[in-house]
Amino acid sequence: MMLLFFLALAAVCTAIDLPLLKQKSRRRDRLVWLLFWALGIAAVYCSLNKIKVPSPLYLVMIIYQPVNRLFESWFY
């Protein structure tokens, strides 16, 4: 039930935002906007259904760990 509420709310926000994005006719802006909306709706779905999702900070840690080791070797 709550998922339907959030989907309806997303549809209303989409109806408001999309005409503004079409006026500018920037394809990249619309693509990024769609990506963020899809990620947001997926996050709401996972939250409402209590699906365990790993923290995105783990990805940041994996990416920056080699950089951290490099600086560590330079300065210690």
N, C-alpha and C. Protein backbone atom coordinates (compact mmCIF):
# COMPACT_ATOMS: atom_id res chain seq x y z
N MET A 1 0.82 -1.20 0.00
CA MET A 1 0.00 0.00 0.00
C MET A 1 0.87 1.27 0.00
N MET A 2 1.89 1.25 0.86
CA MET A 2 2.78 2.41 0.92
C MET A 2 3.56 2.58 -0.38
N LEU A 3 3.90 1.45 -1.01
CA LEU A 3 4.63 1.54 -2.28
C LEU A 3 3.78 2.24 -3.33
N LEU A 4 2.50 1.95 -3.36
CA LEU A 4 1.61 2.62 -4.31
C LEU A 4 1.53 4.12 -4.03
N PHE A 5 1.53 4.47 -2.76
CA PHE A 5 1.52 5.89 -2.39
C PHE A 5 2.77 6.59 -2.90
N PHE A 6 3.94 5.97 -2.68
CA PHE A 6 5.18 6.59 -3.13
C PHE A 6 5.28 6.63 -4.65
N LEU A 7 4.76 5.61 -5.33
CA LEU A 7 4.75 5.62 -6.79
C LEU A 7 3.83 6.71 -7.32
N ALA A 8 2.69 6.91 -6.66
CA ALA A 8 1.78 7.99 -7.07
C ALA A 8 2.42 9.35 -6.83
N LEU A 9 3.10 9.49 -5.71
CA LEU A 9 3.81 10.74 -5.42
C LEU A 9 4.92 10.99 -6.44
N ALA A 10 5.63 9.94 -6.82
CA ALA A 10 6.67 10.06 -7.84
C ALA A 10 6.06 10.44 -9.19
N ALA A 11 4.90 9.90 -9.51
CA ALA A 11 4.24 10.24 -10.77
C ALA A 11 3.83 11.71 -10.80
N VAL A 12 3.35 12.23 -9.67
CA VAL A 12 2.98 13.65 -9.60
C VAL A 12 4.23 14.52 -9.77
N CYS A 13 5.30 14.16 -9.08
CA CYS A 13 6.54 14.93 -9.21
C CYS A 13 7.09 14.85 -10.63
N THR A 14 6.96 13.71 -11.25
CA THR A 14 7.40 13.55 -12.63
C THR A 14 6.59 14.44 -13.56
N ALA A 15 5.29 14.49 -13.35
CA ALA A 15 4.43 15.33 -14.18
C ALA A 15 4.79 16.81 -14.04
N ILE A 16 5.29 17.19 -12.89
CA ILE A 16 5.69 18.58 -12.68
C ILE A 16 7.08 18.85 -13.29
N ASP A 17 8.03 17.92 -13.08
CA ASP A 17 9.41 18.14 -13.49
C ASP A 17 9.66 17.93 -14.98
N LEU A 18 9.03 16.94 -15.56
CA LEU A 18 9.36 16.56 -16.93
C LEU A 18 9.11 17.66 -17.95
N PRO A 19 8.01 18.40 -17.89
CA PRO A 19 7.84 19.49 -18.87
C PRO A 19 8.95 20.55 -18.77
N LEU A 20 9.44 20.80 -17.57
CA LEU A 20 10.52 21.77 -17.42
C LEU A 20 11.81 21.27 -18.07
N LEU A 21 12.05 19.97 -17.98
CA LEU A 21 13.24 19.41 -18.61
C LEU A 21 13.10 19.34 -20.13
N LYS A 22 11.90 19.17 -20.63
CA LYS A 22 11.70 19.12 -22.07
C LYS A 22 11.89 20.48 -22.72
N GLN A 23 11.62 21.55 -22.00
CA GLN A 23 11.79 22.89 -22.55
C GLN A 23 13.25 23.16 -22.86
N LYS A 24 14.13 22.69 -21.99
CA LYS A 24 15.56 22.94 -22.19
C LYS A 24 16.14 22.03 -23.27
N SER A 25 15.46 20.95 -23.55
CA SER A 25 15.86 19.94 -24.54
C SER A 25 17.31 19.48 -24.35
N ARG A 26 17.65 19.18 -23.13
CA ARG A 26 18.97 18.63 -22.83
C ARG A 26 18.80 17.15 -22.51
N ARG A 27 19.30 16.33 -23.38
CA ARG A 27 19.13 14.89 -23.24
C ARG A 27 19.88 14.35 -22.02
N ARG A 28 21.09 14.84 -21.79
CA ARG A 28 21.89 14.37 -20.67
C ARG A 28 21.23 14.70 -19.33
N ASP A 29 20.64 15.87 -19.22
CA ASP A 29 19.95 16.24 -17.98
C ASP A 29 18.79 15.30 -17.70
N ARG A 30 18.04 14.97 -18.74
CA ARG A 30 16.92 14.04 -18.56
C ARG A 30 17.39 12.66 -18.17
N LEU A 31 18.52 12.22 -18.74
CA LEU A 31 19.05 10.90 -18.41
C LEU A 31 19.50 10.85 -16.96
N VAL A 32 20.19 11.87 -16.48
CA VAL A 32 20.63 11.91 -15.09
C VAL A 32 19.42 12.01 -14.17
N TRP A 33 18.43 12.81 -14.54
CA TRP A 33 17.21 12.95 -13.76
C TRP A 33 16.52 11.59 -13.64
N LEU A 34 16.43 10.85 -14.75
CA LEU A 34 15.79 9.54 -14.74
C LEU A 34 16.58 8.55 -13.87
N LEU A 35 17.90 8.62 -13.94
CA LEU A 35 18.73 7.73 -13.14
C LEU A 35 18.51 7.97 -11.65
N PHE A 36 18.50 9.24 -11.24
CA PHE A 36 18.29 9.54 -9.82
C PHE A 36 16.89 9.13 -9.36
N TRP A 37 15.89 9.34 -10.20
CA TRP A 37 14.53 8.92 -9.84
C TRP A 37 14.46 7.41 -9.71
N ALA A 38 15.09 6.68 -10.63
CA ALA A 38 15.06 5.22 -10.57
C ALA A 38 15.77 4.71 -9.32
N LEU A 39 16.91 5.30 -9.00
CA LEU A 39 17.63 4.90 -7.78
C LEU A 39 16.82 5.23 -6.53
N GLY A 40 16.16 6.37 -6.53
CA GLY A 40 15.34 6.75 -5.39
C GLY A 40 14.16 5.82 -5.19
N ILE A 41 13.49 5.47 -6.27
CA ILE A 41 12.35 4.56 -6.18
C ILE A 41 12.82 3.17 -5.75
N ALA A 42 13.98 2.74 -6.25
CA ALA A 42 14.53 1.45 -5.83
C ALA A 42 14.87 1.46 -4.34
N ALA A 43 15.40 2.58 -3.85
CA ALA A 43 15.72 2.69 -2.43
C ALA A 43 14.45 2.64 -1.57
N VAL A 44 13.40 3.31 -2.03
CA VAL A 44 12.13 3.27 -1.30
C VAL A 44 11.57 1.85 -1.29
N TYR A 45 11.64 1.18 -2.44
CA TYR A 45 11.14 -0.20 -2.53
C TYR A 45 11.90 -1.11 -1.56
N CYS A 46 13.22 -1.01 -1.55
CA CYS A 46 14.01 -1.85 -0.65
C CYS A 46 13.72 -1.52 0.81
N SER A 47 13.52 -0.26 1.10
CA SER A 47 13.22 0.14 2.47
C SER A 47 11.86 -0.37 2.93
N LEU A 48 10.87 -0.25 2.06
CA LEU A 48 9.52 -0.69 2.43
C LEU A 48 9.43 -2.21 2.57
N ASN A 49 10.18 -2.94 1.77
CA ASN A 49 10.13 -4.40 1.83
C ASN A 49 11.23 -4.99 2.71
N LYS A 50 11.96 -4.12 3.41
CA LYS A 50 13.00 -4.52 4.35
C LYS A 50 14.04 -5.45 3.71
N ILE A 51 14.48 -5.05 2.51
CA ILE A 51 15.52 -5.79 1.80
C ILE A 51 16.87 -5.24 2.24
N LYS A 52 17.74 -6.13 2.67
CA LYS A 52 19.06 -5.72 3.13
C LYS A 52 19.92 -5.37 1.92
N VAL A 53 20.42 -4.16 1.90
CA VAL A 53 21.29 -3.69 0.82
C VAL A 53 22.59 -3.21 1.45
N PRO A 54 23.74 -3.63 0.92
CA PRO A 54 24.99 -3.15 1.50
C PRO A 54 25.14 -1.65 1.34
N SER A 55 25.88 -1.06 2.23
CA SER A 55 26.08 0.38 2.20
C SER A 55 26.89 0.78 0.97
N PRO A 56 26.51 1.89 0.31
CA PRO A 56 27.30 2.36 -0.83
C PRO A 56 28.69 2.84 -0.41
N LEU A 57 28.88 3.07 0.87
CA LEU A 57 30.20 3.49 1.33
C LEU A 57 31.25 2.39 1.15
N TYR A 58 30.82 1.13 1.10
CA TYR A 58 31.76 0.06 0.82
C TYR A 58 32.38 0.22 -0.56
N LEU A 59 31.61 0.65 -1.53
CA LEU A 59 32.13 0.88 -2.87
C LEU A 59 33.16 2.01 -2.86
N VAL A 60 32.87 3.06 -2.12
CA VAL A 60 33.82 4.17 -2.00
C VAL A 60 35.10 3.69 -1.34
N MET A 61 34.98 2.86 -0.32
CA MET A 61 36.17 2.33 0.35
C MET A 61 37.01 1.47 -0.60
N ILE A 62 36.36 0.66 -1.42
CA ILE A 62 37.08 -0.20 -2.36
C ILE A 62 37.81 0.65 -3.40
N ILE A 63 37.18 1.73 -3.84
CA ILE A 63 37.79 2.57 -4.86
C ILE A 63 38.98 3.34 -4.30
N TYR A 64 38.84 3.88 -3.10
CA TYR A 64 39.89 4.75 -2.55
C TYR A 64 40.95 4.03 -1.74
N GLN A 65 40.80 2.75 -1.51
CA GLN A 65 41.80 2.02 -0.73
C GLN A 65 43.17 2.01 -1.42
N PRO A 66 43.28 1.77 -2.73
CA PRO A 66 44.61 1.86 -3.36
C PRO A 66 45.22 3.26 -3.29
N VAL A 67 44.40 4.28 -3.42
CA VAL A 67 44.90 5.65 -3.32
C VAL A 67 45.42 5.91 -1.91
N ASN A 68 44.69 5.44 -0.93
CA ASN A 68 45.10 5.60 0.46
C ASN A 68 46.43 4.90 0.72
N ARG A 69 46.60 3.70 0.18
CA ARG A 69 47.86 2.97 0.34
C ARG A 69 49.02 3.72 -0.32
N LEU A 70 48.76 4.32 -1.46
CA LEU A 70 49.80 5.08 -2.16
C LEU A 70 50.26 6.25 -1.31
N PHE A 71 49.33 7.03 -0.78
CA PHE A 71 49.70 8.16 0.07
C PHE A 71 50.37 7.69 1.35
N GLU A 72 49.93 6.56 1.85
CA GLU A 72 50.54 6.01 3.06
C GLU A 72 52.00 5.67 2.79
N SER A 73 52.28 5.10 1.64
CA SER A 73 53.68 4.75 1.33
C SER A 73 54.53 5.99 1.09
N TRP A 74 53.94 7.06 0.64
CA TRP A 74 54.69 8.29 0.41
C TRP A 74 55.03 9.04 1.70
N PHE A 75 54.10 9.05 2.64
CA PHE A 75 54.25 9.94 3.79
C PHE A 75 54.56 9.25 5.11
N TYR A 76 54.63 7.91 5.14
CA TYR A 76 54.94 7.23 6.41
C TYR A 76 56.17 6.38 6.27
